[in-house]
Amino acid sequence: MKIKDNYILKKIAGSYVVVPVRTRTVDFSGIIKLSESGAFLWKLLEKESDREELIARLLDEYEVDEPKASADVDRFVDKLREADLLE
């Protein structure tokens, strides 16, 4: 899985937001606000990652158990797919 081109993650006033750039501004209007862990996963997906890697990295970075990390990754990826942000 990988984030589509022409979306960037910015930290603005302490909040993480995703904004479209270049040609994506036509396809997508608005801003997506992410939590710190959502921004962490986003950065991994900018370079391409599979589900197992996302879960493993989340477990390494945060104090969370495997079932919670797995559910969080699935929910995050589902939201990205719904917004058509993944290749």
PDB file of N, CA and C in Angstrom:
ATOM      1  N   MET A   1       0.846  -1.173   0.000  1.00  0.00           N
ATOM      2  CA  MET A   1       0.000   0.000   0.000  1.00  0.00           C
ATOM      3  C   MET A   1       0.888   1.231   0.000  1.00  0.00           C
ATOM      4  N   LYS A   2       0.390   2.239  -0.690  1.00  0.00           N
ATOM      5  CA  LYS A   2       1.147   3.481  -0.766  1.00  0.00           C
ATOM      6  C   LYS A   2       0.176   4.647  -0.967  1.00  0.00           C
ATOM      7  N   ILE A   3       0.515   5.786  -0.364  1.00  0.00           N
ATOM      8  CA  ILE A   3      -0.268   7.007  -0.556  1.00  0.00           C
ATOM      9  C   ILE A   3      -0.093   7.468  -1.999  1.00  0.00           C
ATOM     10  N   LYS A   4      -1.186   7.899  -2.614  1.00  0.00           N
ATOM     11  CA  LYS A   4      -1.113   8.433  -3.968  1.00  0.00           C
ATOM     12  C   LYS A   4      -0.235   9.684  -4.007  1.00  0.00           C
ATOM     13  N   ASP A   5       0.346   9.940  -5.151  1.00  0.00           N
ATOM     14  CA  ASP A   5       1.150  11.149  -5.338  1.00  0.00           C
ATOM     15  C   ASP A   5       0.292  12.398  -5.154  1.00  0.00           C
ATOM     16  N   ASN A   6       0.967  13.479  -4.856  1.00  0.00           N
ATOM     17  CA  ASN A   6       0.367  14.810  -4.775  1.00  0.00           C
ATOM     18  C   ASN A   6      -0.532  15.038  -3.566  1.00  0.00           C
ATOM     19  N   TYR A   7      -0.249  14.309  -2.489  1.00  0.00           N
ATOM     20  CA  TYR A   7      -0.833  14.616  -1.187  1.00  0.00           C
ATOM     21  C   TYR A   7       0.339  14.781  -0.233  1.00  0.00           C
ATOM     22  N   ILE A   8       0.275  15.813   0.589  1.00  0.00           N
ATOM     23  CA  ILE A   8       1.375  16.029   1.522  1.00  0.00           C
ATOM     24  C   ILE A   8       0.838  16.160   2.945  1.00  0.00           C
ATOM     25  N   LEU A   9       1.680  15.753   3.880  1.00  0.00           N
ATOM     26  CA  LEU A   9       1.366  15.859   5.293  1.00  0.00           C
ATOM     27  C   LEU A   9       2.091  17.076   5.844  1.00  0.00           C
ATOM     28  N   LYS A  10       1.370  17.926   6.530  1.00  0.00           N
ATOM     29  CA  LYS A  10       1.936  19.129   7.138  1.00  0.00           C
ATOM     30  C   LYS A  10       1.566  19.165   8.608  1.00  0.00           C
ATOM     31  N   LYS A  11       2.443  19.755   9.408  1.00  0.00           N
ATOM     32  CA  LYS A  11       2.112  20.012  10.808  1.00  0.00           C
ATOM     33  C   LYS A  11       1.879  21.507  10.935  1.00  0.00           C
ATOM     34  N   ILE A  12       0.640  21.853  11.254  1.00  0.00           N
ATOM     35  CA  ILE A  12       0.240  23.254  11.335  1.00  0.00           C
ATOM     36  C   ILE A  12      -0.344  23.509  12.717  1.00  0.00           C
ATOM     37  N   ALA A  13       0.257  24.427  13.441  1.00  0.00           N
ATOM     38  CA  ALA A  13      -0.204  24.799  14.784  1.00  0.00           C
ATOM     39  C   ALA A  13      -0.402  23.570  15.678  1.00  0.00           C
ATOM     40  N   GLY A  14       0.522  22.625  15.582  1.00  0.00           N
ATOM     41  CA  GLY A  14       0.468  21.442  16.428  1.00  0.00           C
ATOM     42  C   GLY A  14      -0.435  20.331  15.936  1.00  0.00           C
ATOM     43  N   SER A  15      -1.103  20.532  14.805  1.00  0.00           N
ATOM     44  CA  SER A  15      -1.993  19.511  14.234  1.00  0.00           C
ATOM     45  C   SER A  15      -1.434  19.009  12.913  1.00  0.00           C
ATOM     46  N   TYR A  16      -1.627  17.721  12.667  1.00  0.00           N
ATOM     47  CA  TYR A  16      -1.215  17.133  11.385  1.00  0.00           C
ATOM     48  C   TYR A  16      -2.388  17.188  10.413  1.00  0.00           C
ATOM     49  N   VAL A  17      -2.124  17.696   9.214  1.00  0.00           N
ATOM     50  CA  VAL A  17      -3.150  17.765   8.179  1.00  0.00           C
ATOM     51  C   VAL A  17      -2.581  17.273   6.853  1.00  0.00           C
ATOM     52  N   VAL A  18      -3.458  16.678   6.062  1.00  0.00           N
ATOM     53  CA  VAL A  18      -3.113  16.229   4.719  1.00  0.00           C
ATOM     54  C   VAL A  18      -3.785  17.177   3.744  1.00  0.00           C
ATOM     55  N   VAL A  19      -2.999  17.680   2.806  1.00  0.00           N
ATOM     56  CA  VAL A  19      -3.552  18.593   1.808  1.00  0.00           C
ATOM     57  C   VAL A  19      -3.188  18.117   0.407  1.00  0.00           C
ATOM     58  N   PRO A  20      -4.089  18.315  -0.539  1.00  0.00           N
ATOM     59  CA  PRO A  20      -3.780  17.958  -1.923  1.00  0.00           C
ATOM     60  C   PRO A  20      -2.924  19.046  -2.563  1.00  0.00           C
ATOM     61  N   VAL A  21      -2.087  18.635  -3.488  1.00  0.00           N
ATOM     62  CA  VAL A  21      -1.278  19.579  -4.252  1.00  0.00           C
ATOM     63  C   VAL A  21      -1.369  19.225  -5.731  1.00  0.00           C
ATOM     64  N   ARG A  22      -0.995  20.182  -6.548  1.00  0.00           N
ATOM     65  CA  ARG A  22      -0.995  20.041  -8.011  1.00  0.00           C
ATOM     66  C   ARG A  22      -2.340  19.543  -8.524  1.00  0.00           C
ATOM     67  N   THR A  23      -2.331  18.462  -9.282  1.00  0.00           N
ATOM     68  CA  THR A  23      -3.557  18.003  -9.927  1.00  0.00           C
ATOM     69  C   THR A  23      -4.588  17.462  -8.955  1.00  0.00           C
ATOM     70  N   ARG A  24      -4.178  17.073  -7.774  1.00  0.00           N
ATOM     71  CA  ARG A  24      -5.121  16.514  -6.795  1.00  0.00           C
ATOM     72  C   ARG A  24      -6.070  17.576  -6.241  1.00  0.00           C
ATOM     73  N   THR A  25      -5.737  18.848  -6.373  1.00  0.00           N
ATOM     74  CA  THR A  25      -6.626  19.887  -5.856  1.00  0.00           C
ATOM     75  C   THR A  25      -7.958  19.890  -6.593  1.00  0.00           C
ATOM     76  N   VAL A  26      -7.960  19.399  -7.818  1.00  0.00           N
ATOM     77  CA  VAL A  26      -9.201  19.303  -8.595  1.00  0.00           C
ATOM     78  C   VAL A  26     -10.054  18.147  -8.091  1.00  0.00           C
ATOM     79  N   ASP A  27      -9.400  17.025  -7.751  1.00  0.00           N
ATOM     80  CA  ASP A  27     -10.104  15.811  -7.332  1.00  0.00           C
ATOM     81  C   ASP A  27     -10.562  15.840  -5.885  1.00  0.00           C
ATOM     82  N   PHE A  28      -9.914  16.651  -5.073  1.00  0.00           N
ATOM     83  CA  PHE A  28     -10.143  16.589  -3.636  1.00  0.00           C
ATOM     84  C   PHE A  28     -10.203  17.998  -3.077  1.00  0.00           C
ATOM     85  N   SER A  29     -11.272  18.308  -2.415  1.00  0.00           N
ATOM     86  CA  SER A  29     -11.348  19.619  -1.780  1.00  0.00           C
ATOM     87  C   SER A  29     -11.473  19.405  -0.284  1.00  0.00           C
ATOM     88  N   GLY A  30     -10.679  20.102   0.457  1.00  0.00           N
ATOM     89  CA  GLY A  30     -10.725  19.975   1.895  1.00  0.00           C
ATOM     90  C   GLY A  30      -9.385  19.596   2.471  1.00  0.00           C
ATOM     91  N   ILE A  31      -9.411  19.301   3.740  1.00  0.00           N
ATOM     92  CA  ILE A  31      -8.215  18.936   4.478  1.00  0.00           C
ATOM     93  C   ILE A  31      -8.580  17.758   5.373  1.00  0.00           C
ATOM     94  N   ILE A  32      -7.645  16.844   5.522  1.00  0.00           N
ATOM     95  CA  ILE A  32      -7.832  15.715   6.427  1.00  0.00           C
ATOM     96  C   ILE A  32      -6.938  15.945   7.640  1.00  0.00           C
ATOM     97  N   LYS A  33      -7.509  15.896   8.815  1.00  0.00           N
ATOM     98  CA  LYS A  33      -6.746  16.070  10.049  1.00  0.00           C
ATOM     99  C   LYS A  33      -6.415  14.685  10.607  1.00  0.00           C
ATOM    100  N   LEU A  34      -5.148  14.486  10.993  1.00  0.00           N
ATOM    101  CA  LEU A  34      -4.703  13.203  11.516  1.00  0.00           C
ATOM    102  C   LEU A  34      -4.197  13.347  12.942  1.00  0.00           C
ATOM    103  N   SER A  35      -4.351  12.283  13.700  1.00  0.00           N
ATOM    104  CA  SER A  35      -3.747  12.212  15.027  1.00  0.00           C
ATOM    105  C   SER A  35      -2.250  11.968  14.859  1.00  0.00           C
ATOM    106  N   GLU A  36      -1.531  11.994  15.953  1.00  0.00           N
ATOM    107  CA  GLU A  36      -0.095  11.722  15.893  1.00  0.00           C
ATOM    108  C   GLU A  36       0.176  10.321  15.346  1.00  0.00           C
ATOM    109  N   SER A  37      -0.591   9.333  15.797  1.00  0.00           N
ATOM    110  CA  SER A  37      -0.385   7.970  15.296  1.00  0.00           C
ATOM    111  C   SER A  37      -0.823   7.849  13.838  1.00  0.00           C
ATOM    112  N   GLY A  38      -1.860   8.587  13.446  1.00  0.00           N
ATOM    113  CA  GLY A  38      -2.267   8.604  12.036  1.00  0.00           C
ATOM    114  C   GLY A  38      -1.180   9.199  11.159  1.00  0.00           C
ATOM    115  N   ALA A  39      -0.544  10.266  11.622  1.00  0.00           N
ATOM    116  CA  ALA A  39       0.564  10.881  10.879  1.00  0.00           C
ATOM    117  C   ALA A  39       1.741   9.910  10.790  1.00  0.00           C
ATOM    118  N   PHE A  40       1.991   9.164  11.862  1.00  0.00           N
ATOM    119  CA  PHE A  40       3.049   8.160  11.876  1.00  0.00           C
ATOM    120  C   PHE A  40       2.799   7.116  10.785  1.00  0.00           C
ATOM    121  N   LEU A  41       1.564   6.602  10.723  1.00  0.00           N
ATOM    122  CA  LEU A  41       1.218   5.610   9.705  1.00  0.00           C
ATOM    123  C   LEU A  41       1.266   6.217   8.302  1.00  0.00           C
ATOM    124  N   TRP A  42       0.806   7.449   8.161  1.00  0.00           N
ATOM    125  CA  TRP A  42       0.839   8.135   6.868  1.00  0.00           C
ATOM    126  C   TRP A  42       2.268   8.174   6.320  1.00  0.00           C
ATOM    127  N   LYS A  43       3.212   8.552   7.183  1.00  0.00           N
ATOM    128  CA  LYS A  43       4.611   8.645   6.758  1.00  0.00           C
ATOM    129  C   LYS A  43       5.137   7.294   6.277  1.00  0.00           C
ATOM    130  N   LEU A  44       4.720   6.228   6.933  1.00  0.00           N
ATOM    131  CA  LEU A  44       5.126   4.888   6.486  1.00  0.00           C
ATOM    132  C   LEU A  44       4.517   4.562   5.128  1.00  0.00           C
ATOM    133  N   LEU A  45       3.293   5.006   4.922  1.00  0.00           N
ATOM    134  CA  LEU A  45       2.604   4.725   3.657  1.00  0.00           C
ATOM    135  C   LEU A  45       3.081   5.611   2.510  1.00  0.00           C
ATOM    136  N   GLU A  46       3.751   6.691   2.808  1.00  0.00           N
ATOM    137  CA  GLU A  46       4.329   7.511   1.739  1.00  0.00           C
ATOM    138  C   GLU A  46       5.409   6.726   0.991  1.00  0.00           C
ATOM    139  N   LYS A  47       6.063   5.805   1.693  1.00  0.00           N
ATOM    140  CA  LYS A  47       7.150   5.016   1.108  1.00  0.00           C
ATOM    141  C   LYS A  47       6.709   3.618   0.726  1.00  0.00           C
ATOM    142  N   GLU A  48       5.505   3.264   0.994  1.00  0.00           N
ATOM    143  CA  GLU A  48       4.896   1.966   0.749  1.00  0.00           C
ATOM    144  C   GLU A  48       5.189   1.005   1.889  1.00  0.00           C
ATOM    145  N   SER A  49       4.130   0.456   2.417  1.00  0.00           N
ATOM    146  CA  SER A  49       4.206  -0.501   3.517  1.00  0.00           C
ATOM    147  C   SER A  49       3.037  -1.458   3.403  1.00  0.00           C
ATOM    148  N   ASP A  50       3.227  -2.670   3.909  1.00  0.00           N
ATOM    149  CA  ASP A  50       2.099  -3.592   3.958  1.00  0.00           C
ATOM    150  C   ASP A  50       1.493  -3.575   5.364  1.00  0.00           C
ATOM    151  N   ARG A  51       0.391  -4.237   5.520  1.00  0.00           N
ATOM    152  CA  ARG A  51      -0.354  -4.229   6.780  1.00  0.00           C
ATOM    153  C   ARG A  51       0.510  -4.707   7.949  1.00  0.00           C
ATOM    154  N   GLU A  52       1.227  -5.795   7.732  1.00  0.00           N
ATOM    155  CA  GLU A  52       2.049  -6.364   8.800  1.00  0.00           C
ATOM    156  C   GLU A  52       3.127  -5.393   9.258  1.00  0.00           C
ATOM    157  N   GLU A  53       3.741  -4.684   8.323  1.00  0.00           N
ATOM    158  CA  GLU A  53       4.767  -3.707   8.685  1.00  0.00           C
ATOM    159  C   GLU A  53       4.153  -2.547   9.468  1.00  0.00           C
ATOM    160  N   LEU A  54       2.988  -2.085   9.052  1.00  0.00           N
ATOM    161  CA  LEU A  54       2.319  -0.993   9.766  1.00  0.00           C
ATOM    162  C   LEU A  54       2.028  -1.385  11.210  1.00  0.00           C
ATOM    163  N   ILE A  55       1.527  -2.597  11.396  1.00  0.00           N
ATOM    164  CA  ILE A  55       1.216  -3.073  12.741  1.00  0.00           C
ATOM    165  C   ILE A  55       2.498  -3.188  13.569  1.00  0.00           C
ATOM    166  N   ALA A  56       3.535  -3.794  13.008  1.00  0.00           N
ATOM    167  CA  ALA A  56       4.802  -3.966  13.729  1.00  0.00           C
ATOM    168  C   ALA A  56       5.400  -2.623  14.141  1.00  0.00           C
ATOM    169  N   ARG A  57       5.383  -1.673  13.240  1.00  0.00           N
ATOM    170  CA  ARG A  57       5.957  -0.349  13.543  1.00  0.00           C
ATOM    171  C   ARG A  57       5.127   0.384  14.594  1.00  0.00           C
ATOM    172  N   LEU A  58       3.806   0.229  14.528  1.00  0.00           N
ATOM    173  CA  LEU A  58       2.937   0.840  15.532  1.00  0.00           C
ATOM    174  C   LEU A  58       3.216   0.237  16.912  1.00  0.00           C
ATOM    175  N   LEU A  59       3.415  -1.068  16.970  1.00  0.00           N
ATOM    176  CA  LEU A  59       3.742  -1.739  18.229  1.00  0.00           C
ATOM    177  C   LEU A  59       5.082  -1.271  18.782  1.00  0.00           C
ATOM    178  N   ASP A  60       6.048  -1.022  17.892  1.00  0.00           N
ATOM    179  CA  ASP A  60       7.362  -0.538  18.322  1.00  0.00           C
ATOM    180  C   ASP A  60       7.311   0.899  18.840  1.00  0.00           C
ATOM    181  N   GLU A  61       6.462   1.707  18.234  1.00  0.00           N
ATOM    182  CA  GLU A  61       6.438   3.141  18.530  1.00  0.00           C
ATOM    183  C   GLU A  61       5.533   3.513  19.715  1.00  0.00           C
ATOM    184  N   TYR A  62       4.436   2.781  19.888  1.00  0.00           N
ATOM    185  CA  TYR A  62       3.442   3.142  20.898  1.00  0.00           C
ATOM    186  C   TYR A  62       3.200   1.990  21.859  1.00  0.00           C
ATOM    187  N   GLU A  63       2.769   2.317  23.053  1.00  0.00           N
ATOM    188  CA  GLU A  63       2.424   1.304  24.038  1.00  0.00           C
ATOM    189  C   GLU A  63       0.996   0.837  23.773  1.00  0.00           C
ATOM    190  N   VAL A  64       0.885  -0.157  22.922  1.00  0.00           N
ATOM    191  CA  VAL A  64      -0.415  -0.686  22.520  1.00  0.00           C
ATOM    192  C   VAL A  64      -0.239  -2.183  22.276  1.00  0.00           C
ATOM    193  N   ASP A  65      -1.299  -2.956  22.523  1.00  0.00           N
ATOM    194  CA  ASP A  65      -1.190  -4.395  22.271  1.00  0.00           C
ATOM    195  C   ASP A  65      -1.510  -4.708  20.808  1.00  0.00           C
ATOM    196  N   GLU A  66      -1.208  -5.923  20.412  1.00  0.00           N
ATOM    197  CA  GLU A  66      -1.348  -6.310  18.997  1.00  0.00           C
ATOM    198  C   GLU A  66      -2.790  -6.223  18.483  1.00  0.00           C
ATOM    199  N   PRO A  67      -3.793  -6.692  19.230  1.00  0.00           N
ATOM    200  CA  PRO A  67      -5.167  -6.566  18.725  1.00  0.00           C
ATOM    201  C   PRO A  67      -5.586  -5.103  18.499  1.00  0.00           C
ATOM    202  N   LYS A  68      -5.189  -4.222  19.407  1.00  0.00           N
ATOM    203  CA  LYS A  68      -5.534  -2.796  19.264  1.00  0.00           C
ATOM    204  C   LYS A  68      -4.795  -2.196  18.070  1.00  0.00           C
ATOM    205  N   ALA A  69      -3.501  -2.508  17.927  1.00  0.00           N
ATOM    206  CA  ALA A  69      -2.723  -1.995  16.798  1.00  0.00           C
ATOM    207  C   ALA A  69      -3.308  -2.486  15.477  1.00  0.00           C
ATOM    208  N   SER A  70      -3.675  -3.745  15.427  1.00  0.00           N
ATOM    209  CA  SER A  70      -4.250  -4.327  14.216  1.00  0.00           C
ATOM    210  C   SER A  70      -5.570  -3.644  13.846  1.00  0.00           C
ATOM    211  N   ALA A  71      -6.431  -3.464  14.834  1.00  0.00           N
ATOM    212  CA  ALA A  71      -7.719  -2.797  14.591  1.00  0.00           C
ATOM    213  C   ALA A  71      -7.518  -1.355  14.154  1.00  0.00           C
ATOM    214  N   ASP A  72      -6.573  -0.658  14.786  1.00  0.00           N
ATOM    215  CA  ASP A  72      -6.305   0.739  14.427  1.00  0.00           C
ATOM    216  C   ASP A  72      -5.773   0.859  13.005  1.00  0.00           C
ATOM    217  N   VAL A  73      -4.864  -0.030  12.632  1.00  0.00           N
ATOM    218  CA  VAL A  73      -4.324  -0.012  11.266  1.00  0.00           C
ATOM    219  C   VAL A  73      -5.434  -0.285  10.263  1.00  0.00           C
ATOM    220  N   ASP A  74      -6.255  -1.293  10.530  1.00  0.00           N
ATOM    221  CA  ASP A  74      -7.351  -1.616   9.603  1.00  0.00           C
ATOM    222  C   ASP A  74      -8.308  -0.451   9.444  1.00  0.00           C
ATOM    223  N   ARG A  75      -8.653   0.194  10.544  1.00  0.00           N
ATOM    224  CA  ARG A  75      -9.575   1.337  10.497  1.00  0.00           C
ATOM    225  C   ARG A  75      -8.957   2.503   9.712  1.00  0.00           C
ATOM    226  N   PHE A  76      -7.670   2.778   9.955  1.00  0.00           N
ATOM    227  CA  PHE A  76      -6.982   3.862   9.264  1.00  0.00           C
ATOM    228  C   PHE A  76      -6.903   3.599   7.760  1.00  0.00           C
ATOM    229  N   VAL A  77      -6.511   2.388   7.398  1.00  0.00           N
ATOM    230  CA  VAL A  77      -6.399   2.028   5.976  1.00  0.00           C
ATOM    231  C   VAL A  77      -7.771   2.081   5.304  1.00  0.00           C
ATOM    232  N   ASP A  78      -8.806   1.627   5.988  1.00  0.00           N
ATOM    233  CA  ASP A  78     -10.162   1.693   5.425  1.00  0.00           C
ATOM    234  C   ASP A  78     -10.564   3.135   5.138  1.00  0.00           C
ATOM    235  N   LYS A  79     -10.247   4.030   6.053  1.00  0.00           N
ATOM    236  CA  LYS A  79     -10.590   5.446   5.833  1.00  0.00           C
ATOM    237  C   LYS A  79      -9.810   6.034   4.664  1.00  0.00           C
ATOM    238  N   LEU A  80      -8.552   5.644   4.523  1.00  0.00           N
ATOM    239  CA  LEU A  80      -7.770   6.116   3.380  1.00  0.00           C
ATOM    240  C   LEU A  80      -8.330   5.584   2.073  1.00  0.00           C
ATOM    241  N   ARG A  81      -8.753   4.339   2.082  1.00  0.00           N
ATOM    242  CA  ARG A  81      -9.353   3.755   0.864  1.00  0.00           C
ATOM    243  C   ARG A  81     -10.673   4.447   0.517  1.00  0.00           C
ATOM    244  N   GLU A  82     -11.488   4.704   1.530  1.00  0.00           N
ATOM    245  CA  GLU A  82     -12.755   5.416   1.297  1.00  0.00           C
ATOM    246  C   GLU A  82     -12.530   6.787   0.685  1.00  0.00           C
ATOM    247  N   ALA A  83     -11.470   7.446   1.097  1.00  0.00           N
ATOM    248  CA  ALA A  83     -11.137   8.780   0.565  1.00  0.00           C
ATOM    249  C   ALA A  83     -10.328   8.690  -0.724  1.00  0.00           C
ATOM    250  N   ASP A  84     -10.068   7.484  -1.204  1.00  0.00           N
ATOM    251  CA  ASP A  84      -9.324   7.230  -2.439  1.00  0.00           C
ATOM    252  C   ASP A  84      -7.917   7.846  -2.388  1.00  0.00           C
ATOM    253  N   LEU A  85      -7.231   7.622  -1.269  1.00  0.00           N
ATOM    254  CA  LEU A  85      -5.887   8.184  -1.085  1.00  0.00           C
ATOM    255  C   LEU A  85      -4.786   7.142  -1.267  1.00  0.00           C
ATOM    256  N   LEU A  86      -5.150   5.876  -1.454  1.00  0.00           N
ATOM    257  CA  LEU A  86      -4.152   4.819  -1.618  1.00  0.00           C
ATOM    258  C   LEU A  86      -4.075   4.344  -3.067  1.00  0.00           C
ATOM    259  N   GLU A  87      -2.844   4.010  -3.469  1.00  0.00           N
ATOM    260  CA  GLU A  87      -2.664   3.406  -4.801  1.00  0.00           C
ATOM    261  C   GLU A  87      -3.084   1.965  -4.740  1.00  0.00           C
TER     262      GLU A  87
END
